[in-house]
N, C-alpha and C. Protein backbone atom coordinates (compact mmCIF):
# COMPACT_ATOMS: atom_id res chain seq x y z
N UNK A 1 -19.11 11.70 7.90
CA UNK A 1 -18.04 11.06 7.14
C UNK A 1 -16.91 10.70 8.10
N UNK A 2 -16.44 9.46 8.00
CA UNK A 2 -15.35 8.98 8.84
C UNK A 2 -14.01 9.21 8.13
N UNK A 3 -13.05 9.76 8.85
CA UNK A 3 -11.71 9.98 8.29
C UNK A 3 -10.82 8.81 8.70
N UNK A 4 -10.15 8.19 7.73
CA UNK A 4 -9.28 7.06 7.98
C UNK A 4 -7.89 7.40 7.47
N UNK A 5 -6.88 7.29 8.34
CA UNK A 5 -5.50 7.53 7.92
C UNK A 5 -4.99 6.31 7.16
N UNK A 6 -4.39 6.57 6.01
CA UNK A 6 -3.85 5.49 5.20
C UNK A 6 -2.63 5.99 4.43
N UNK A 7 -1.88 5.04 3.88
CA UNK A 7 -0.70 5.38 3.08
C UNK A 7 -0.48 4.28 2.05
N UNK A 8 0.26 4.61 1.01
CA UNK A 8 0.59 3.64 -0.03
C UNK A 8 2.03 3.85 -0.46
N UNK A 9 2.63 2.81 -1.00
CA UNK A 9 3.99 2.90 -1.51
C UNK A 9 3.97 2.89 -3.03
N UNK A 10 4.64 3.84 -3.63
CA UNK A 10 4.78 3.87 -5.08
C UNK A 10 6.21 3.48 -5.39
N UNK A 11 6.39 2.30 -5.93
CA UNK A 11 7.72 1.77 -6.19
C UNK A 11 8.08 2.01 -7.64
N UNK A 12 9.18 2.75 -7.86
CA UNK A 12 9.63 3.09 -9.20
C UNK A 12 11.06 2.58 -9.38
N UNK A 13 11.29 1.84 -10.45
CA UNK A 13 12.63 1.35 -10.78
C UNK A 13 12.74 1.31 -12.30
N UNK A 14 13.82 1.86 -12.81
CA UNK A 14 14.05 1.91 -14.26
C UNK A 14 12.86 2.55 -14.99
N UNK A 15 12.32 3.62 -14.40
CA UNK A 15 11.21 4.38 -14.96
C UNK A 15 9.93 3.55 -15.11
N UNK A 16 9.80 2.48 -14.31
CA UNK A 16 8.60 1.65 -14.30
C UNK A 16 8.00 1.67 -12.90
N UNK A 17 6.67 1.64 -12.82
CA UNK A 17 5.95 1.64 -11.55
C UNK A 17 5.39 0.26 -11.30
N UNK A 18 5.62 -0.26 -10.09
CA UNK A 18 5.11 -1.57 -9.72
C UNK A 18 3.69 -1.44 -9.18
N UNK A 19 2.75 -2.15 -9.79
CA UNK A 19 1.36 -2.14 -9.36
C UNK A 19 0.93 -3.52 -8.90
N UNK A 20 -0.10 -3.58 -8.07
CA UNK A 20 -0.68 -4.84 -7.59
C UNK A 20 -2.09 -4.97 -8.15
N UNK A 21 -2.45 -6.18 -8.52
CA UNK A 21 -3.83 -6.42 -8.97
C UNK A 21 -4.63 -6.98 -7.80
N UNK A 22 -5.74 -6.34 -7.51
CA UNK A 22 -6.58 -6.76 -6.40
C UNK A 22 -7.29 -8.07 -6.73
N UNK A 23 -7.56 -8.85 -5.71
CA UNK A 23 -8.26 -10.12 -5.86
C UNK A 23 -9.69 -9.92 -6.35
N UNK A 24 -10.22 -10.91 -7.04
CA UNK A 24 -11.62 -10.84 -7.48
C UNK A 24 -12.57 -10.88 -6.29
N UNK A 25 -12.08 -11.34 -5.14
CA UNK A 25 -12.90 -11.45 -3.94
C UNK A 25 -12.90 -10.20 -3.07
N UNK A 26 -12.14 -9.18 -3.46
CA UNK A 26 -12.12 -7.92 -2.69
C UNK A 26 -13.49 -7.26 -2.76
N UNK A 27 -13.93 -6.74 -1.62
CA UNK A 27 -15.23 -6.07 -1.56
C UNK A 27 -15.23 -4.78 -2.37
N UNK A 28 -14.13 -4.04 -2.29
CA UNK A 28 -14.04 -2.77 -3.01
C UNK A 28 -13.02 -2.89 -4.14
N UNK A 29 -13.41 -2.48 -5.30
CA UNK A 29 -12.55 -2.44 -6.49
C UNK A 29 -11.90 -3.78 -6.84
N UNK A 30 -12.67 -4.86 -6.94
CA UNK A 30 -12.09 -6.15 -7.30
C UNK A 30 -11.45 -6.10 -8.69
N UNK A 31 -10.34 -6.80 -8.83
CA UNK A 31 -9.58 -6.94 -10.08
C UNK A 31 -9.01 -5.63 -10.62
N UNK A 32 -9.01 -4.58 -9.81
CA UNK A 32 -8.40 -3.31 -10.23
C UNK A 32 -6.91 -3.31 -9.86
N UNK A 33 -6.14 -2.50 -10.59
CA UNK A 33 -4.71 -2.35 -10.34
C UNK A 33 -4.47 -1.12 -9.46
N UNK A 34 -3.46 -1.21 -8.60
CA UNK A 34 -3.13 -0.06 -7.76
C UNK A 34 -1.82 -0.27 -7.03
N UNK A 35 -1.42 0.74 -6.30
CA UNK A 35 -0.21 0.67 -5.49
C UNK A 35 -0.52 -0.02 -4.16
N UNK A 36 0.45 -0.74 -3.60
CA UNK A 36 0.21 -1.39 -2.31
C UNK A 36 0.02 -0.35 -1.22
N UNK A 37 -0.99 -0.53 -0.41
CA UNK A 37 -1.25 0.44 0.65
C UNK A 37 -2.31 -0.07 1.59
N UNK A 38 -2.55 0.68 2.64
CA UNK A 38 -3.55 0.29 3.61
C UNK A 38 -3.72 1.32 4.70
N UNK A 39 -4.41 0.92 5.75
CA UNK A 39 -4.74 1.83 6.84
C UNK A 39 -3.82 1.65 8.03
N UNK A 40 -3.85 2.63 8.90
CA UNK A 40 -3.04 2.64 10.11
C UNK A 40 -3.49 1.52 11.05
N UNK A 41 -2.52 0.74 11.57
CA UNK A 41 -2.84 -0.34 12.52
C UNK A 41 -2.92 0.16 13.95
N UNK A 42 -2.11 1.19 14.27
CA UNK A 42 -2.12 1.75 15.62
C UNK A 42 -1.94 3.26 15.54
N UNK A 43 -2.36 3.96 16.56
CA UNK A 43 -2.26 5.43 16.58
C UNK A 43 -0.80 5.90 16.53
N UNK A 44 0.13 5.06 16.95
CA UNK A 44 1.54 5.44 16.97
C UNK A 44 2.25 5.23 15.64
N UNK A 45 1.59 4.59 14.69
CA UNK A 45 2.21 4.28 13.40
C UNK A 45 2.21 5.51 12.49
N UNK A 46 3.40 5.88 11.97
CA UNK A 46 3.51 7.02 11.06
C UNK A 46 3.08 6.62 9.66
N UNK A 47 2.88 7.61 8.80
CA UNK A 47 2.51 7.32 7.41
C UNK A 47 3.62 6.54 6.70
N UNK A 48 4.88 6.88 6.99
CA UNK A 48 6.00 6.12 6.40
C UNK A 48 5.96 4.67 6.85
N UNK A 49 5.68 4.44 8.13
CA UNK A 49 5.62 3.08 8.66
C UNK A 49 4.46 2.30 8.04
N UNK A 50 3.35 2.97 7.80
CA UNK A 50 2.21 2.30 7.14
C UNK A 50 2.64 1.83 5.75
N UNK A 51 3.26 2.72 4.97
CA UNK A 51 3.67 2.37 3.61
C UNK A 51 4.68 1.22 3.62
N UNK A 52 5.66 1.28 4.51
CA UNK A 52 6.67 0.22 4.60
C UNK A 52 6.02 -1.12 4.94
N UNK A 53 5.12 -1.12 5.93
CA UNK A 53 4.45 -2.35 6.36
C UNK A 53 3.58 -2.92 5.25
N UNK A 54 2.83 -2.08 4.58
CA UNK A 54 1.92 -2.56 3.54
C UNK A 54 2.68 -3.14 2.34
N UNK A 55 3.77 -2.52 1.94
CA UNK A 55 4.57 -3.05 0.83
C UNK A 55 5.14 -4.41 1.23
N UNK A 56 5.59 -4.54 2.47
CA UNK A 56 6.12 -5.82 2.96
C UNK A 56 5.02 -6.88 2.99
N UNK A 57 3.84 -6.54 3.52
CA UNK A 57 2.74 -7.49 3.62
C UNK A 57 2.21 -7.92 2.25
N UNK A 58 2.06 -6.99 1.36
CA UNK A 58 1.42 -7.30 0.07
C UNK A 58 2.38 -7.84 -0.98
N UNK A 59 3.65 -7.41 -0.92
CA UNK A 59 4.60 -7.80 -1.97
C UNK A 59 5.81 -8.57 -1.45
N UNK A 60 6.03 -8.55 -0.14
CA UNK A 60 7.21 -9.21 0.42
C UNK A 60 8.50 -8.47 0.12
N UNK A 61 8.40 -7.17 -0.16
CA UNK A 61 9.58 -6.37 -0.53
C UNK A 61 9.95 -5.38 0.57
N UNK A 62 11.26 -5.14 0.72
CA UNK A 62 11.71 -4.07 1.61
C UNK A 62 11.58 -2.77 0.84
N UNK A 63 11.12 -1.74 1.53
CA UNK A 63 10.80 -0.47 0.88
C UNK A 63 11.27 0.66 1.79
N UNK A 64 12.03 1.60 1.24
CA UNK A 64 12.47 2.76 1.99
C UNK A 64 11.93 4.00 1.30
N UNK A 65 10.96 4.70 1.92
CA UNK A 65 10.43 5.92 1.30
C UNK A 65 11.50 6.98 1.10
N UNK A 66 11.40 7.70 0.01
CA UNK A 66 12.35 8.78 -0.28
C UNK A 66 11.61 10.07 -0.46
């Protein structure tokens, strides 16, 4: 089994959670809803940096983990 480091951002505002709907063309879990996230791009990237980058890439939003 291969271990892959990944992180996701859970954005909550006014007691609501922002979810993303995956494309129908995604190989895994097409058309499913989930939080924006992904895998580490470099060994130096922290989990916080992964979450920040993925939210920016997928949603175009600035995100500060708390």
